[in-house]
Amino acid sequence: MDSGIDLDSFALPVANKENKELQLEVERKQKEIASLKRQSEGYADRIQAISDHLKNVQQELQHTQALHEAKKKDVELEQHMRQIAEREEGRLRDELKKIEAEESEIKERINMYENTAFKNKKIVEDITAQMNWGHQALDTWLEESARKDDNVLAIEKYSRADEGKVKNLYVHRNSRSSWRTIVMKCRERRRPWIVR
């Protein structure tokens, strides 16, 4: 109990042995209280230092957790972007396969058209050669038939047949130009990037 009186400077009158012992006991207790106060103050300082350290550790923990969450989100984003890239790569590979298949088909068609055009050209050349030979034979025959009036009808008949052949040649020539047009269109489709 603190009444504002300094007991250290005030000495109690010593009356007997019991009072002396009580006085010594009071002095011991006062020293013990002073020692405990000093210890208490030291503990308070240590508790404050530990509390401050705990606050710093908690702030560092929150900062570390925030960094961890940010890194986790970055990793998730990277995984998502990688999955998107892999899907796009697969789609592009499929598209490339389709384009290669179309290219192969177009090459086969062009090859077929070129072969057909070559065969048709050969046929036209053969027919032209036959026509030239046919004209020579016709000229010879006309000379002979001019001498013979009774063969005039036969000459007209052969003339009509030759006219039919000529018409066929024109038809073949027109179909040849149609084939050439088809081949050119296929080649243009094959190379759409060429501007004409």
N, C-alpha and C. Protein backbone atom coordinates (compact mmCIF):
# COMPACT_ATOMS: atom_id res chain seq x y z
N MET A 1 0.82 -1.16 0.00
CA MET A 1 0.00 0.00 0.00
C MET A 1 0.88 1.23 0.00
N ASP A 2 0.62 2.15 -0.93
CA ASP A 2 1.45 3.33 -1.06
C ASP A 2 0.66 4.54 -0.60
N SER A 3 1.08 5.15 0.51
CA SER A 3 0.34 6.29 1.06
C SER A 3 1.05 7.60 0.76
N GLY A 4 2.11 7.55 -0.03
CA GLY A 4 2.84 8.74 -0.37
C GLY A 4 3.95 9.05 0.61
N ILE A 5 4.16 8.22 1.59
CA ILE A 5 5.20 8.43 2.60
C ILE A 5 6.35 7.53 2.22
N ASP A 6 7.53 8.08 2.20
CA ASP A 6 8.72 7.27 1.89
C ASP A 6 9.13 6.54 3.14
N LEU A 7 8.93 5.22 3.11
CA LEU A 7 9.21 4.40 4.27
C LEU A 7 10.70 4.19 4.47
N ASP A 8 11.49 4.37 3.43
CA ASP A 8 12.93 4.18 3.53
C ASP A 8 13.55 5.26 4.45
N SER A 9 13.04 6.46 4.34
CA SER A 9 13.61 7.53 5.15
C SER A 9 12.98 7.59 6.55
N PHE A 10 11.94 6.88 6.72
CA PHE A 10 11.25 6.88 8.00
C PHE A 10 11.52 5.58 8.71
N ALA A 11 12.07 5.64 9.85
CA ALA A 11 12.38 4.45 10.63
C ALA A 11 11.38 4.34 11.77
N LEU A 12 10.91 3.17 11.88
CA LEU A 12 9.96 2.90 12.95
C LEU A 12 10.74 2.72 14.26
N PRO A 13 10.18 3.16 15.29
CA PRO A 13 10.88 2.94 16.56
C PRO A 13 10.92 1.45 16.89
N VAL A 14 12.02 1.05 17.29
CA VAL A 14 12.21 -0.36 17.60
C VAL A 14 11.86 -0.57 19.07
N ALA A 15 10.87 -1.32 19.24
CA ALA A 15 10.44 -1.53 20.61
C ALA A 15 10.89 -2.87 21.11
N ASN A 16 10.76 -3.81 20.22
CA ASN A 16 11.14 -5.13 20.71
C ASN A 16 11.66 -5.97 19.55
N LYS A 17 11.92 -7.22 19.86
CA LYS A 17 12.51 -8.13 18.90
C LYS A 17 11.53 -8.43 17.78
N GLU A 18 10.27 -8.55 18.05
CA GLU A 18 9.26 -8.85 17.05
C GLU A 18 9.14 -7.71 16.06
N ASN A 19 9.19 -6.51 16.58
CA ASN A 19 9.10 -5.34 15.70
C ASN A 19 10.32 -5.26 14.80
N LYS A 20 11.47 -5.61 15.35
CA LYS A 20 12.68 -5.62 14.52
C LYS A 20 12.54 -6.61 13.38
N GLU A 21 12.04 -7.76 13.71
CA GLU A 21 11.86 -8.78 12.67
C GLU A 21 10.84 -8.32 11.64
N LEU A 22 9.77 -7.68 12.13
CA LEU A 22 8.76 -7.18 11.19
C LEU A 22 9.36 -6.09 10.29
N GLN A 23 10.19 -5.24 10.94
CA GLN A 23 10.81 -4.19 10.15
C GLN A 23 11.74 -4.78 9.10
N LEU A 24 12.52 -5.77 9.47
CA LEU A 24 13.38 -6.44 8.49
C LEU A 24 12.55 -7.11 7.40
N GLU A 25 11.45 -7.70 7.83
CA GLU A 25 10.55 -8.36 6.85
C GLU A 25 9.98 -7.33 5.90
N VAL A 26 9.59 -6.18 6.36
CA VAL A 26 9.04 -5.12 5.50
C VAL A 26 10.11 -4.65 4.53
N GLU A 27 11.34 -4.47 5.02
CA GLU A 27 12.43 -4.02 4.15
C GLU A 27 12.71 -5.05 3.07
N ARG A 28 12.71 -6.33 3.45
CA ARG A 28 12.93 -7.39 2.45
C ARG A 28 11.82 -7.35 1.39
N LYS A 29 10.61 -7.21 1.87
CA LYS A 29 9.47 -7.19 0.95
C LYS A 29 9.56 -5.98 0.02
N GLN A 30 9.99 -4.84 0.54
CA GLN A 30 10.13 -3.65 -0.29
C GLN A 30 11.20 -3.86 -1.36
N LYS A 31 12.32 -4.48 -0.94
CA LYS A 31 13.38 -4.77 -1.92
C LYS A 31 12.88 -5.75 -2.98
N GLU A 32 12.13 -6.74 -2.50
CA GLU A 32 11.59 -7.75 -3.42
C GLU A 32 10.63 -7.08 -4.40
N ILE A 33 9.81 -6.18 -3.91
CA ILE A 33 8.85 -5.48 -4.78
C ILE A 33 9.60 -4.64 -5.81
N ALA A 34 10.67 -3.93 -5.38
CA ALA A 34 11.46 -3.11 -6.30
C ALA A 34 12.10 -3.99 -7.36
N SER A 35 12.62 -5.15 -6.92
CA SER A 35 13.23 -6.07 -7.87
C SER A 35 12.20 -6.59 -8.88
N LEU A 36 11.02 -6.94 -8.35
CA LEU A 36 9.96 -7.44 -9.24
C LEU A 36 9.50 -6.35 -10.21
N LYS A 37 9.46 -5.07 -9.74
CA LYS A 37 9.10 -3.97 -10.64
C LYS A 37 10.11 -3.84 -11.77
N ARG A 38 11.40 -3.94 -11.41
CA ARG A 38 12.45 -3.86 -12.44
C ARG A 38 12.32 -5.00 -13.43
N GLN A 39 12.08 -6.20 -12.87
CA GLN A 39 11.89 -7.37 -13.76
C GLN A 39 10.67 -7.16 -14.65
N SER A 40 9.61 -6.65 -14.05
CA SER A 40 8.37 -6.43 -14.79
C SER A 40 8.60 -5.44 -15.93
N GLU A 41 9.35 -4.37 -15.63
CA GLU A 41 9.67 -3.40 -16.68
C GLU A 41 10.50 -4.03 -17.79
N GLY A 42 11.47 -4.89 -17.43
CA GLY A 42 12.28 -5.60 -18.43
C GLY A 42 11.42 -6.53 -19.28
N TYR A 43 10.48 -7.21 -18.57
CA TYR A 43 9.57 -8.10 -19.32
C TYR A 43 8.68 -7.30 -20.26
N ALA A 44 8.23 -6.15 -19.80
CA ALA A 44 7.37 -5.31 -20.64
C ALA A 44 8.12 -4.89 -21.89
N ASP A 45 9.41 -4.51 -21.73
CA ASP A 45 10.21 -4.13 -22.90
C ASP A 45 10.38 -5.31 -23.84
N ARG A 46 10.63 -6.49 -23.26
CA ARG A 46 10.81 -7.69 -24.09
C ARG A 46 9.50 -8.04 -24.79
N ILE A 47 8.39 -7.92 -24.05
CA ILE A 47 7.08 -8.23 -24.65
C ILE A 47 6.80 -7.26 -25.79
N GLN A 48 7.13 -5.98 -25.59
CA GLN A 48 6.92 -4.99 -26.66
C GLN A 48 7.79 -5.32 -27.87
N ALA A 49 9.04 -5.70 -27.63
CA ALA A 49 9.94 -6.04 -28.73
C ALA A 49 9.43 -7.28 -29.47
N ILE A 50 8.96 -8.26 -28.70
CA ILE A 50 8.43 -9.48 -29.33
C ILE A 50 7.15 -9.16 -30.10
N SER A 51 6.29 -8.31 -29.53
CA SER A 51 5.06 -7.90 -30.22
C SER A 51 5.37 -7.19 -31.53
N ASP A 52 6.35 -6.28 -31.48
CA ASP A 52 6.76 -5.57 -32.69
C ASP A 52 7.30 -6.57 -33.72
N HIS A 53 8.13 -7.49 -33.24
CA HIS A 53 8.69 -8.50 -34.14
C HIS A 53 7.58 -9.37 -34.74
N LEU A 54 6.59 -9.74 -33.91
CA LEU A 54 5.46 -10.54 -34.38
C LEU A 54 4.68 -9.80 -35.46
N LYS A 55 4.46 -8.48 -35.25
CA LYS A 55 3.76 -7.68 -36.26
C LYS A 55 4.55 -7.68 -37.57
N ASN A 56 5.88 -7.50 -37.47
CA ASN A 56 6.72 -7.51 -38.67
C ASN A 56 6.64 -8.86 -39.39
N VAL A 57 6.70 -9.93 -38.58
CA VAL A 57 6.64 -11.28 -39.17
C VAL A 57 5.29 -11.48 -39.86
N GLN A 58 4.19 -11.01 -39.22
CA GLN A 58 2.86 -11.17 -39.82
C GLN A 58 2.75 -10.36 -41.11
N GLN A 59 3.30 -9.15 -41.11
CA GLN A 59 3.29 -8.35 -42.34
C GLN A 59 4.10 -9.04 -43.44
N GLU A 60 5.26 -9.57 -43.08
CA GLU A 60 6.09 -10.28 -44.06
C GLU A 60 5.36 -11.51 -44.59
N LEU A 61 4.65 -12.20 -43.67
CA LEU A 61 3.87 -13.38 -44.07
C LEU A 61 2.76 -12.98 -45.05
N GLN A 62 2.06 -11.89 -44.75
CA GLN A 62 1.01 -11.43 -45.67
C GLN A 62 1.60 -11.05 -47.03
N HIS A 63 2.73 -10.36 -46.99
CA HIS A 63 3.41 -9.98 -48.24
C HIS A 63 3.81 -11.22 -49.03
N THR A 64 4.39 -12.20 -48.33
CA THR A 64 4.81 -13.45 -48.98
C THR A 64 3.61 -14.20 -49.55
N GLN A 65 2.50 -14.23 -48.79
CA GLN A 65 1.30 -14.90 -49.28
C GLN A 65 0.74 -14.19 -50.51
N ALA A 66 0.78 -12.86 -50.50
CA ALA A 66 0.31 -12.10 -51.67
C ALA A 66 1.18 -12.41 -52.88
N LEU A 67 2.51 -12.46 -52.68
CA LEU A 67 3.41 -12.82 -53.77
C LEU A 67 3.14 -14.24 -54.26
N HIS A 68 2.89 -15.13 -53.32
CA HIS A 68 2.59 -16.52 -53.67
C HIS A 68 1.32 -16.60 -54.52
N GLU A 69 0.28 -15.88 -54.11
CA GLU A 69 -0.98 -15.88 -54.86
C GLU A 69 -0.77 -15.29 -56.26
N ALA A 70 0.01 -14.21 -56.34
CA ALA A 70 0.27 -13.59 -57.65
C ALA A 70 1.02 -14.57 -58.55
N LYS A 71 2.02 -15.23 -57.99
CA LYS A 71 2.80 -16.20 -58.77
C LYS A 71 1.91 -17.37 -59.20
N LYS A 72 1.04 -17.81 -58.30
CA LYS A 72 0.13 -18.91 -58.61
C LYS A 72 -0.79 -18.52 -59.78
N LYS A 73 -1.30 -17.28 -59.74
CA LYS A 73 -2.15 -16.82 -60.83
C LYS A 73 -1.36 -16.72 -62.14
N ASP A 74 -0.10 -16.27 -62.06
CA ASP A 74 0.75 -16.22 -63.25
C ASP A 74 0.94 -17.61 -63.85
N VAL A 75 1.19 -18.58 -62.98
CA VAL A 75 1.38 -19.96 -63.44
C VAL A 75 0.10 -20.48 -64.09
N GLU A 76 -1.05 -20.19 -63.47
CA GLU A 76 -2.33 -20.63 -64.04
C GLU A 76 -2.56 -19.98 -65.40
N LEU A 77 -2.23 -18.68 -65.50
CA LEU A 77 -2.39 -17.97 -66.77
C LEU A 77 -1.48 -18.57 -67.84
N GLU A 78 -0.23 -18.85 -67.47
CA GLU A 78 0.71 -19.45 -68.42
C GLU A 78 0.21 -20.82 -68.88
N GLN A 79 -0.32 -21.62 -67.95
CA GLN A 79 -0.85 -22.92 -68.33
C GLN A 79 -2.04 -22.77 -69.27
N HIS A 80 -2.90 -21.81 -68.97
CA HIS A 80 -4.06 -21.56 -69.84
C HIS A 80 -3.61 -21.13 -71.24
N MET A 81 -2.65 -20.21 -71.29
CA MET A 81 -2.14 -19.74 -72.58
C MET A 81 -1.46 -20.88 -73.34
N ARG A 82 -0.75 -21.76 -72.62
CA ARG A 82 -0.12 -22.90 -73.29
C ARG A 82 -1.17 -23.84 -73.87
N GLN A 83 -2.26 -24.07 -73.12
CA GLN A 83 -3.33 -24.92 -73.63
C GLN A 83 -3.97 -24.32 -74.86
N ILE A 84 -4.18 -23.00 -74.84
CA ILE A 84 -4.75 -22.33 -76.02
C ILE A 84 -3.80 -22.48 -77.21
N ALA A 85 -2.49 -22.29 -76.97
CA ALA A 85 -1.51 -22.41 -78.05
C ALA A 85 -1.47 -23.84 -78.59
N GLU A 86 -1.58 -24.83 -77.71
CA GLU A 86 -1.56 -26.23 -78.16
C GLU A 86 -2.80 -26.53 -79.00
N ARG A 87 -3.96 -26.01 -78.57
CA ARG A 87 -5.18 -26.22 -79.36
C ARG A 87 -5.06 -25.56 -80.74
N GLU A 88 -4.51 -24.35 -80.76
CA GLU A 88 -4.34 -23.62 -82.02
C GLU A 88 -3.36 -24.37 -82.93
N GLU A 89 -2.29 -24.89 -82.32
CA GLU A 89 -1.32 -25.67 -83.10
C GLU A 89 -1.99 -26.90 -83.71
N GLY A 90 -2.81 -27.59 -82.94
CA GLY A 90 -3.53 -28.76 -83.46
C GLY A 90 -4.46 -28.39 -84.59
N ARG A 91 -5.18 -27.25 -84.42
CA ARG A 91 -6.09 -26.81 -85.47
C ARG A 91 -5.32 -26.47 -86.75
N LEU A 92 -4.18 -25.79 -86.59
CA LEU A 92 -3.38 -25.43 -87.76
C LEU A 92 -2.80 -26.66 -88.44
N ARG A 93 -2.42 -27.67 -87.66
CA ARG A 93 -1.92 -28.91 -88.26
C ARG A 93 -3.02 -29.60 -89.07
N ASP A 94 -4.23 -29.64 -88.51
CA ASP A 94 -5.36 -30.23 -89.24
C ASP A 94 -5.62 -29.47 -90.53
N GLU A 95 -5.59 -28.15 -90.43
CA GLU A 95 -5.84 -27.33 -91.62
C GLU A 95 -4.74 -27.55 -92.66
N LEU A 96 -3.49 -27.67 -92.20
CA LEU A 96 -2.38 -27.92 -93.11
C LEU A 96 -2.56 -29.26 -93.82
N LYS A 97 -3.01 -30.28 -93.09
CA LYS A 97 -3.25 -31.59 -93.71
C LYS A 97 -4.32 -31.48 -94.78
N LYS A 98 -5.40 -30.73 -94.48
CA LYS A 98 -6.46 -30.55 -95.47
C LYS A 98 -5.92 -29.85 -96.72
N ILE A 99 -5.13 -28.80 -96.50
CA ILE A 99 -4.57 -28.06 -97.63
C ILE A 99 -3.66 -28.95 -98.46
N GLU A 100 -2.83 -29.76 -97.78
CA GLU A 100 -1.94 -30.67 -98.52
C GLU A 100 -2.74 -31.70 -99.31
N ALA A 101 -3.84 -32.20 -98.72
CA ALA A 101 -4.69 -33.16 -99.43
C ALA A 101 -5.33 -32.50 -100.64
N GLU A 102 -5.82 -31.26 -100.48
CA GLU A 102 -6.40 -30.54 -101.61
C GLU A 102 -5.36 -30.29 -102.68
N GLU A 103 -4.16 -29.92 -102.27
CA GLU A 103 -3.09 -29.67 -103.23
C GLU A 103 -2.79 -30.93 -104.03
N SER A 104 -2.72 -32.06 -103.33
CA SER A 104 -2.44 -33.34 -104.01
C SER A 104 -3.56 -33.66 -104.99
N GLU A 105 -4.81 -33.44 -104.57
CA GLU A 105 -5.95 -33.71 -105.46
C GLU A 105 -5.91 -32.81 -106.69
N ILE A 106 -5.59 -31.54 -106.47
CA ILE A 106 -5.51 -30.59 -107.59
C ILE A 106 -4.38 -30.99 -108.54
N LYS A 107 -3.25 -31.41 -108.00
CA LYS A 107 -2.14 -31.86 -108.85
C LYS A 107 -2.56 -33.05 -109.69
N GLU A 108 -3.30 -33.99 -109.07
CA GLU A 108 -3.76 -35.15 -109.81
C GLU A 108 -4.71 -34.73 -110.93
N ARG A 109 -5.63 -33.80 -110.61
CA ARG A 109 -6.57 -33.33 -111.63
C ARG A 109 -5.84 -32.62 -112.76
N ILE A 110 -4.88 -31.77 -112.40
CA ILE A 110 -4.11 -31.06 -113.43
C ILE A 110 -3.36 -32.05 -114.30
N ASN A 111 -2.76 -33.04 -113.66
CA ASN A 111 -2.04 -34.07 -114.41
C ASN A 111 -2.99 -34.80 -115.37
N MET A 112 -4.20 -35.12 -114.86
CA MET A 112 -5.19 -35.80 -115.69
C MET A 112 -5.60 -34.90 -116.86
N TYR A 113 -5.84 -33.60 -116.57
CA TYR A 113 -6.22 -32.67 -117.64
C TYR A 113 -5.10 -32.50 -118.66
N GLU A 114 -3.87 -32.42 -118.18
CA GLU A 114 -2.73 -32.29 -119.10
C GLU A 114 -2.61 -33.53 -119.97
N ASN A 115 -2.80 -34.71 -119.37
CA ASN A 115 -2.75 -35.95 -120.16
C ASN A 115 -3.86 -35.97 -121.20
N THR A 116 -5.07 -35.57 -120.77
CA THR A 116 -6.19 -35.53 -121.71
C THR A 116 -5.93 -34.52 -122.82
N ALA A 117 -5.40 -33.35 -122.44
CA ALA A 117 -5.08 -32.33 -123.45
C ALA A 117 -4.03 -32.85 -124.43
N PHE A 118 -3.03 -33.57 -123.92
CA PHE A 118 -1.99 -34.13 -124.79
C PHE A 118 -2.60 -35.15 -125.76
N LYS A 119 -3.47 -36.01 -125.23
CA LYS A 119 -4.12 -37.02 -126.08
C LYS A 119 -4.98 -36.34 -127.14
N ASN A 120 -5.74 -35.32 -126.72
CA ASN A 120 -6.58 -34.61 -127.67
C ASN A 120 -5.75 -33.90 -128.74
N LYS A 121 -4.62 -33.35 -128.32
CA LYS A 121 -3.72 -32.70 -129.28
C LYS A 121 -3.21 -33.71 -130.30
N LYS A 122 -2.88 -34.89 -129.80
CA LYS A 122 -2.39 -35.95 -130.69
C LYS A 122 -3.50 -36.36 -131.67
N ILE A 123 -4.73 -36.47 -131.14
CA ILE A 123 -5.85 -36.82 -132.01
C ILE A 123 -6.05 -35.76 -133.08
N VAL A 124 -5.98 -34.48 -132.69
CA VAL A 124 -6.15 -33.39 -133.66
C VAL A 124 -5.05 -33.43 -134.70
N GLU A 125 -3.81 -33.69 -134.25
CA GLU A 125 -2.70 -33.78 -135.20
C GLU A 125 -2.91 -34.94 -136.18
N ASP A 126 -3.38 -36.09 -135.64
CA ASP A 126 -3.65 -37.24 -136.53
C ASP A 126 -4.75 -36.91 -137.52
N ILE A 127 -5.80 -36.26 -137.03
CA ILE A 127 -6.91 -35.91 -137.93
C ILE A 127 -6.44 -34.91 -138.97
N THR A 128 -5.62 -33.94 -138.54
CA THR A 128 -5.09 -32.95 -139.49
C THR A 128 -4.25 -33.64 -140.55
N ALA A 129 -3.43 -34.59 -140.13
CA ALA A 129 -2.61 -35.33 -141.10
C ALA A 129 -3.50 -36.12 -142.06
N GLN A 130 -4.54 -36.74 -141.50
CA GLN A 130 -5.48 -37.47 -142.35
C GLN A 130 -6.21 -36.53 -143.30
N MET A 131 -6.53 -35.34 -142.81
CA MET A 131 -7.21 -34.38 -143.69
C MET A 131 -6.31 -33.95 -144.83
N ASN A 132 -5.04 -33.70 -144.49
CA ASN A 132 -4.10 -33.32 -145.56
C ASN A 132 -4.00 -34.45 -146.59
N TRP A 133 -3.88 -35.65 -146.09
CA TRP A 133 -3.81 -36.79 -147.01
C TRP A 133 -5.14 -36.93 -147.75
N GLY A 134 -6.24 -36.69 -147.01
CA GLY A 134 -7.57 -36.77 -147.62
C GLY A 134 -7.76 -35.72 -148.69
N HIS A 135 -7.23 -34.52 -148.47
CA HIS A 135 -7.33 -33.47 -149.50
C HIS A 135 -6.54 -33.85 -150.75
N GLN A 136 -5.36 -34.40 -150.54
CA GLN A 136 -4.57 -34.82 -151.70
C GLN A 136 -5.29 -35.92 -152.49
N ALA A 137 -5.84 -36.86 -151.71
CA ALA A 137 -6.57 -37.95 -152.38
C ALA A 137 -7.80 -37.41 -153.08
N LEU A 138 -8.46 -36.46 -152.44
CA LEU A 138 -9.66 -35.87 -153.03
C LEU A 138 -9.32 -35.13 -154.32
N ASP A 139 -8.21 -34.37 -154.27
CA ASP A 139 -7.80 -33.65 -155.48
C ASP A 139 -7.55 -34.61 -156.64
N THR A 140 -6.86 -35.69 -156.32
CA THR A 140 -6.59 -36.70 -157.36
C THR A 140 -7.89 -37.30 -157.88
N TRP A 141 -8.73 -37.58 -156.95
CA TRP A 141 -10.00 -38.21 -157.32
C TRP A 141 -10.86 -37.26 -158.14
N LEU A 142 -10.82 -35.94 -157.77
CA LEU A 142 -11.59 -34.96 -158.52
C LEU A 142 -11.10 -34.86 -159.97
N GLU A 143 -9.80 -34.95 -160.12
CA GLU A 143 -9.25 -34.91 -161.48
C GLU A 143 -9.77 -36.07 -162.30
N GLU A 144 -9.78 -37.22 -161.69
CA GLU A 144 -10.27 -38.40 -162.42
C GLU A 144 -11.77 -38.31 -162.68
N SER A 145 -12.49 -37.81 -161.67
CA SER A 145 -13.94 -37.77 -161.84
C SER A 145 -14.36 -36.66 -162.79
N ALA A 146 -13.51 -35.65 -162.93
CA ALA A 146 -13.83 -34.61 -163.92
C ALA A 146 -13.88 -35.22 -165.30
N ARG A 147 -13.07 -36.27 -165.47
CA ARG A 147 -13.09 -36.95 -166.75
C ARG A 147 -14.34 -37.80 -166.89
N LYS A 148 -14.85 -38.20 -165.77
CA LYS A 148 -16.02 -39.09 -165.83
C LYS A 148 -17.21 -38.38 -165.20
N ASP A 149 -18.19 -38.07 -165.95
CA ASP A 149 -19.36 -37.35 -165.46
C ASP A 149 -20.26 -38.22 -164.60
N ASP A 150 -20.20 -39.48 -164.81
CA ASP A 150 -21.09 -40.34 -164.03
C ASP A 150 -20.65 -40.46 -162.56
N ASN A 151 -19.45 -40.00 -162.20
CA ASN A 151 -18.97 -40.09 -160.81
C ASN A 151 -19.18 -38.79 -160.04
N VAL A 152 -19.89 -37.83 -160.58
CA VAL A 152 -20.11 -36.55 -159.94
C VAL A 152 -20.87 -36.74 -158.63
N LEU A 153 -21.85 -37.61 -158.61
CA LEU A 153 -22.62 -37.84 -157.40
C LEU A 153 -21.74 -38.41 -156.27
N ALA A 154 -20.86 -39.30 -156.65
CA ALA A 154 -19.95 -39.89 -155.66
C ALA A 154 -19.04 -38.82 -155.05
N ILE A 155 -18.60 -37.89 -155.92
CA ILE A 155 -17.73 -36.81 -155.44
C ILE A 155 -18.47 -35.94 -154.44
N GLU A 156 -19.71 -35.60 -154.74
CA GLU A 156 -20.50 -34.81 -153.80
C GLU A 156 -20.66 -35.53 -152.46
N LYS A 157 -20.88 -36.84 -152.57
CA LYS A 157 -21.02 -37.64 -151.34
C LYS A 157 -19.75 -37.56 -150.48
N TYR A 158 -18.59 -37.74 -151.13
CA TYR A 158 -17.32 -37.66 -150.39
C TYR A 158 -17.04 -36.25 -149.87
N SER A 159 -17.48 -35.26 -150.65
CA SER A 159 -17.31 -33.87 -150.21
C SER A 159 -18.08 -33.62 -148.92
N ARG A 160 -19.32 -34.14 -148.87
CA ARG A 160 -20.11 -33.98 -147.65
C ARG A 160 -19.44 -34.68 -146.46
N ALA A 161 -18.89 -35.85 -146.73
CA ALA A 161 -18.20 -36.58 -145.65
C ALA A 161 -17.00 -35.79 -145.15
N ASP A 162 -16.25 -35.19 -146.10
CA ASP A 162 -15.09 -34.38 -145.69
C ASP A 162 -15.52 -33.14 -144.92
N GLU A 163 -16.64 -32.55 -145.33
CA GLU A 163 -17.15 -31.40 -144.59
C GLU A 163 -17.50 -31.81 -143.15
N GLY A 164 -18.07 -33.01 -143.02
CA GLY A 164 -18.36 -33.52 -141.68
C GLY A 164 -17.09 -33.68 -140.85
N LYS A 165 -16.04 -34.17 -141.51
CA LYS A 165 -14.76 -34.32 -140.81
C LYS A 165 -14.22 -32.95 -140.38
N VAL A 166 -14.36 -31.97 -141.30
CA VAL A 166 -13.88 -30.63 -140.98
C VAL A 166 -14.67 -30.06 -139.79
N LYS A 167 -15.99 -30.28 -139.82
CA LYS A 167 -16.80 -29.81 -138.70
C LYS A 167 -16.35 -30.49 -137.40
N ASN A 168 -16.08 -31.81 -137.50
CA ASN A 168 -15.59 -32.53 -136.32
C ASN A 168 -14.26 -31.95 -135.82
N LEU A 169 -13.41 -31.59 -136.79
CA LEU A 169 -12.13 -30.99 -136.39
C LEU A 169 -12.35 -29.67 -135.66
N TYR A 170 -13.27 -28.86 -136.15
CA TYR A 170 -13.57 -27.61 -135.46
C TYR A 170 -14.14 -27.87 -134.07
N VAL A 171 -14.99 -28.88 -133.98
CA VAL A 171 -15.54 -29.24 -132.67
C VAL A 171 -14.41 -29.67 -131.74
N HIS A 172 -13.49 -30.53 -132.28
CA HIS A 172 -12.35 -30.97 -131.45
C HIS A 172 -11.46 -29.80 -131.07
N ARG A 173 -11.27 -28.89 -132.00
CA ARG A 173 -10.45 -27.72 -131.69
C ARG A 173 -11.11 -26.89 -130.59
N ASN A 174 -12.42 -26.68 -130.69
CA ASN A 174 -13.15 -25.93 -129.65
C ASN A 174 -13.09 -26.65 -128.31
N SER A 175 -13.23 -27.98 -128.35
CA SER A 175 -13.16 -28.72 -127.08
C SER A 175 -11.75 -28.65 -126.51
N ARG A 176 -10.77 -28.60 -127.41
CA ARG A 176 -9.37 -28.47 -126.94
C ARG A 176 -9.18 -27.14 -126.23
N SER A 177 -9.75 -26.07 -126.78
CA SER A 177 -9.64 -24.77 -126.11
C SER A 177 -10.41 -24.79 -124.80
N SER A 178 -11.53 -25.56 -124.72
CA SER A 178 -12.26 -25.70 -123.46
C SER A 178 -11.39 -26.40 -122.43
N TRP A 179 -10.70 -27.46 -122.87
CA TRP A 179 -9.80 -28.17 -121.95
C TRP A 179 -8.69 -27.24 -121.46
N ARG A 180 -8.18 -26.43 -122.38
CA ARG A 180 -7.12 -25.50 -122.01
C ARG A 180 -7.65 -24.51 -120.97
N THR A 181 -8.88 -24.04 -121.14
CA THR A 181 -9.49 -23.12 -120.17
C THR A 181 -9.62 -23.80 -118.81
N ILE A 182 -10.06 -25.05 -118.80
CA ILE A 182 -10.23 -25.80 -117.54
C ILE A 182 -8.88 -25.95 -116.85
N VAL A 183 -7.85 -26.30 -117.62
CA VAL A 183 -6.51 -26.49 -117.04
C VAL A 183 -6.01 -25.17 -116.46
N MET A 184 -6.23 -24.05 -117.16
CA MET A 184 -5.78 -22.76 -116.66
C MET A 184 -6.51 -22.39 -115.36
N LYS A 185 -7.84 -22.68 -115.30
CA LYS A 185 -8.59 -22.39 -114.08
C LYS A 185 -8.05 -23.21 -112.91
N CYS A 186 -7.75 -24.48 -113.16
CA CYS A 186 -7.20 -25.33 -112.09
C CYS A 186 -5.86 -24.78 -111.60
N ARG A 187 -5.05 -24.34 -112.55
CA ARG A 187 -3.75 -23.78 -112.15
C ARG A 187 -3.93 -22.51 -111.33
N GLU A 188 -4.92 -21.68 -111.70
CA GLU A 188 -5.18 -20.46 -110.94
C GLU A 188 -5.67 -20.80 -109.54
N ARG A 189 -6.52 -21.82 -109.41
CA ARG A 189 -6.97 -22.22 -108.08
C ARG A 189 -5.81 -22.75 -107.26
N ARG A 190 -4.90 -23.41 -107.92
CA ARG A 190 -3.76 -23.99 -107.23
C ARG A 190 -2.86 -22.90 -106.66
N ARG A 191 -2.78 -21.76 -107.34
CA ARG A 191 -1.93 -20.64 -106.91
C ARG A 191 -2.77 -19.39 -106.75
N PRO A 192 -3.60 -19.32 -105.67
CA PRO A 192 -4.49 -18.16 -105.52
C PRO A 192 -3.75 -16.88 -105.18
N TRP A 193 -2.51 -16.95 -104.78
CA TRP A 193 -1.78 -15.76 -104.38
C TRP A 193 -1.23 -14.98 -105.56
N ILE A 194 -1.28 -15.57 -106.77
CA ILE A 194 -0.77 -14.89 -107.96
C ILE A 194 -1.88 -14.00 -108.50
N VAL A 195 -1.63 -12.72 -108.57
CA VAL A 195 -2.63 -11.78 -109.09
C VAL A 195 -2.41 -11.65 -110.59
N ARG A 196 -3.48 -11.81 -111.31
CA ARG A 196 -3.38 -11.70 -112.78
C ARG A 196 -4.06 -10.44 -113.24
